[in-house]
Amino acid sequence: MRIDCPYCGPRGNEEFSYYGDATRTRPAADADESAFVDYVYLRDNPAGSHRELWFHAAGCHRWLEVERDTRTHLITGVHEVGAKHDANRDGTTR
């Protein structure tokens, strides 16, 4: 699998560290304990398009949000976490 880093260009996934689901949000500080247990321990296993966090450990040391189909590993978008990004003509983000 190759990830097209917006700063370093296409690289093999061995240069990156996978962090997890980019759509998860931390519970509020006053949330009950069960909300934190769910946040820390429970994970979905989606089939299809999914946004993930990856760290470019052997490159630019930036956090990237990667949109990847978990069934085919097809990557349809990559951008730095927190960076503004626009939709491409095909509706994917970059």
C-alpha atoms as a PDB file:
ATOM      1  CA  MET A   1       0.000   0.000   0.000  1.00  0.00           C
ATOM      2  CA  ARG A   2       1.349   3.435  -0.925  1.00  0.00           C
ATOM      3  CA  ILE A   3       0.317   6.665   0.764  1.00  0.00           C
ATOM      4  CA  ASP A   4       0.656   9.880  -1.231  1.00  0.00           C
ATOM      5  CA  CYS A   5       2.063  12.210   1.443  1.00  0.00           C
ATOM      6  CA  PRO A   6       1.222  15.828   0.522  1.00  0.00           C
ATOM      7  CA  TYR A   7       4.774  16.850   1.544  1.00  0.00           C
ATOM      8  CA  CYS A   8       7.025  13.917   0.594  1.00  0.00           C
ATOM      9  CA  GLY A   9       5.134  12.331  -2.307  1.00  0.00           C
ATOM     10  CA  PRO A  10       4.088   8.693  -2.649  1.00  0.00           C
ATOM     11  CA  ARG A  11       5.672   6.436  -0.015  1.00  0.00           C
ATOM     12  CA  GLY A  12       5.242   2.843   1.145  1.00  0.00           C
ATOM     13  CA  ASN A  13       3.054   2.349   4.199  1.00  0.00           C
ATOM     14  CA  GLU A  14       6.049   0.997   6.134  1.00  0.00           C
ATOM     15  CA  GLU A  15       7.192   4.639   6.530  1.00  0.00           C
ATOM     16  CA  PHE A  16       3.999   5.427   8.469  1.00  0.00           C
ATOM     17  CA  SER A  17       2.540   4.494  11.838  1.00  0.00           C
ATOM     18  CA  TYR A  18      -1.173   3.759  11.919  1.00  0.00           C
ATOM     19  CA  TYR A  19      -3.032   5.435  14.773  1.00  0.00           C
ATOM     20  CA  GLY A  20      -6.681   4.626  14.177  1.00  0.00           C
ATOM     21  CA  ASP A  21     -10.086   6.051  13.394  1.00  0.00           C
ATOM     22  CA  ALA A  22      -9.994   9.760  12.499  1.00  0.00           C
ATOM     23  CA  THR A  23     -13.696  10.220  13.220  1.00  0.00           C
ATOM     24  CA  ARG A  24     -13.618   9.417  16.937  1.00  0.00           C
ATOM     25  CA  THR A  25     -14.078  12.286  19.376  1.00  0.00           C
ATOM     26  CA  ARG A  26     -13.002  12.305  22.997  1.00  0.00           C
ATOM     27  CA  PRO A  27     -15.854  12.477  25.506  1.00  0.00           C
ATOM     28  CA  ALA A  28     -16.367  15.715  27.424  1.00  0.00           C
ATOM     29  CA  ALA A  29     -14.414  16.025  30.675  1.00  0.00           C
ATOM     30  CA  ASP A  30     -17.630  15.661  32.689  1.00  0.00           C
ATOM     31  CA  ALA A  31     -18.786  12.502  30.825  1.00  0.00           C
ATOM     32  CA  ASP A  32     -19.448   9.389  32.865  1.00  0.00           C
ATOM     33  CA  GLU A  33     -16.900   6.591  33.173  1.00  0.00           C
ATOM     34  CA  SER A  34     -18.680   4.322  30.683  1.00  0.00           C
ATOM     35  CA  ALA A  35     -18.231   6.938  27.926  1.00  0.00           C
ATOM     36  CA  PHE A  36     -14.457   6.894  28.523  1.00  0.00           C
ATOM     37  CA  VAL A  37     -14.369   3.080  28.638  1.00  0.00           C
ATOM     38  CA  ASP A  38     -16.143   2.989  25.269  1.00  0.00           C
ATOM     39  CA  TYR A  39     -13.777   5.640  23.847  1.00  0.00           C
ATOM     40  CA  VAL A  40     -10.623   3.791  24.958  1.00  0.00           C
ATOM     41  CA  TYR A  41     -11.569   0.153  24.383  1.00  0.00           C
ATOM     42  CA  LEU A  42     -14.369  -0.181  21.819  1.00  0.00           C
ATOM     43  CA  ARG A  43     -13.591   0.049  18.117  1.00  0.00           C
ATOM     44  CA  ASP A  44     -15.749  -0.308  15.034  1.00  0.00           C
ATOM     45  CA  ASN A  45     -14.505  -2.456  12.181  1.00  0.00           C
ATOM     46  CA  PRO A  46     -15.996  -0.696   9.155  1.00  0.00           C
ATOM     47  CA  ALA A  47     -16.144  -2.266   5.711  1.00  0.00           C
ATOM     48  CA  GLY A  48     -15.739   0.428   3.084  1.00  0.00           C
ATOM     49  CA  SER A  49     -14.583   4.027   2.996  1.00  0.00           C
ATOM     50  CA  HIS A  50     -13.052   5.105   6.297  1.00  0.00           C
ATOM     51  CA  ARG A  51     -10.971   8.068   7.558  1.00  0.00           C
ATOM     52  CA  GLU A  52      -7.829   7.087   9.459  1.00  0.00           C
ATOM     53  CA  LEU A  53      -4.934   8.827  11.198  1.00  0.00           C
ATOM     54  CA  TRP A  54      -1.388   7.999  10.087  1.00  0.00           C
ATOM     55  CA  PHE A  55       1.924   9.476  11.282  1.00  0.00           C
ATOM     56  CA  HIS A  56       4.734   9.843   8.727  1.00  0.00           C
ATOM     57  CA  ALA A  57       7.448   8.569  11.064  1.00  0.00           C
ATOM     58  CA  ALA A  58      10.153   8.017   8.419  1.00  0.00           C
ATOM     59  CA  GLY A  59       9.443  11.215   6.539  1.00  0.00           C
ATOM     60  CA  CYS A  60       8.067  14.660   7.344  1.00  0.00           C
ATOM     61  CA  HIS A  61       6.810  13.740  10.864  1.00  0.00           C
ATOM     62  CA  ARG A  62       3.344  15.058  10.113  1.00  0.00           C
ATOM     63  CA  TRP A  63      -0.003  13.565  11.089  1.00  0.00           C
ATOM     64  CA  LEU A  64      -2.098  12.724   8.042  1.00  0.00           C
ATOM     65  CA  GLU A  65      -5.756  11.911   7.634  1.00  0.00           C
ATOM     66  CA  VAL A  66      -6.108   9.167   5.045  1.00  0.00           C
ATOM     67  CA  GLU A  67      -9.400   8.156   3.463  1.00  0.00           C
ATOM     68  CA  ARG A  68      -9.092   4.468   2.607  1.00  0.00           C
ATOM     69  CA  ASP A  69     -11.456   1.696   1.586  1.00  0.00           C
ATOM     70  CA  THR A  70     -10.866  -1.032   4.168  1.00  0.00           C
ATOM     71  CA  ARG A  71     -11.988  -3.757   1.735  1.00  0.00           C
ATOM     72  CA  THR A  72      -9.599  -2.882  -1.125  1.00  0.00           C
ATOM     73  CA  HIS A  73      -7.020  -0.584   0.561  1.00  0.00           C
ATOM     74  CA  LEU A  74      -7.725   1.986  -2.183  1.00  0.00           C
ATOM     75  CA  ILE A  75      -6.721   5.423  -0.877  1.00  0.00           C
ATOM     76  CA  THR A  76      -8.970   8.207  -2.170  1.00  0.00           C
ATOM     77  CA  GLY A  77      -7.617  11.156  -0.198  1.00  0.00           C
ATOM     78  CA  VAL A  78      -4.726  12.284   2.021  1.00  0.00           C
ATOM     79  CA  HIS A  79      -4.209  15.591   3.827  1.00  0.00           C
ATOM     80  CA  GLU A  80      -2.449  16.921   6.901  1.00  0.00           C
ATOM     81  CA  VAL A  81      -4.579  16.786  10.043  1.00  0.00           C
ATOM     82  CA  GLY A  82      -6.008  20.230  10.743  1.00  0.00           C
ATOM     83  CA  ALA A  83      -5.187  21.573   7.279  1.00  0.00           C
ATOM     84  CA  LYS A  84      -7.921  23.019   5.138  1.00  0.00           C
ATOM     85  CA  HIS A  85      -8.732  20.768   2.225  1.00  0.00           C
ATOM     86  CA  ASP A  86     -11.104  20.987  -0.701  1.00  0.00           C
ATOM     87  CA  ALA A  87     -13.079  18.298  -2.410  1.00  0.00           C
ATOM     88  CA  ASN A  88     -11.600  16.980  -5.649  1.00  0.00           C
ATOM     89  CA  ARG A  89     -13.769  16.768  -8.735  1.00  0.00           C
ATOM     90  CA  ASP A  90     -14.708  13.171  -7.888  1.00  0.00           C
ATOM     91  CA  GLY A  91     -15.871  14.173  -4.374  1.00  0.00           C
ATOM     92  CA  THR A  92     -12.831  12.820  -2.519  1.00  0.00           C
ATOM     93  CA  THR A  93     -10.671  15.032  -0.346  1.00  0.00           C
ATOM     94  CA  ARG A  94      -6.991  15.648  -0.674  1.00  0.00           C
END
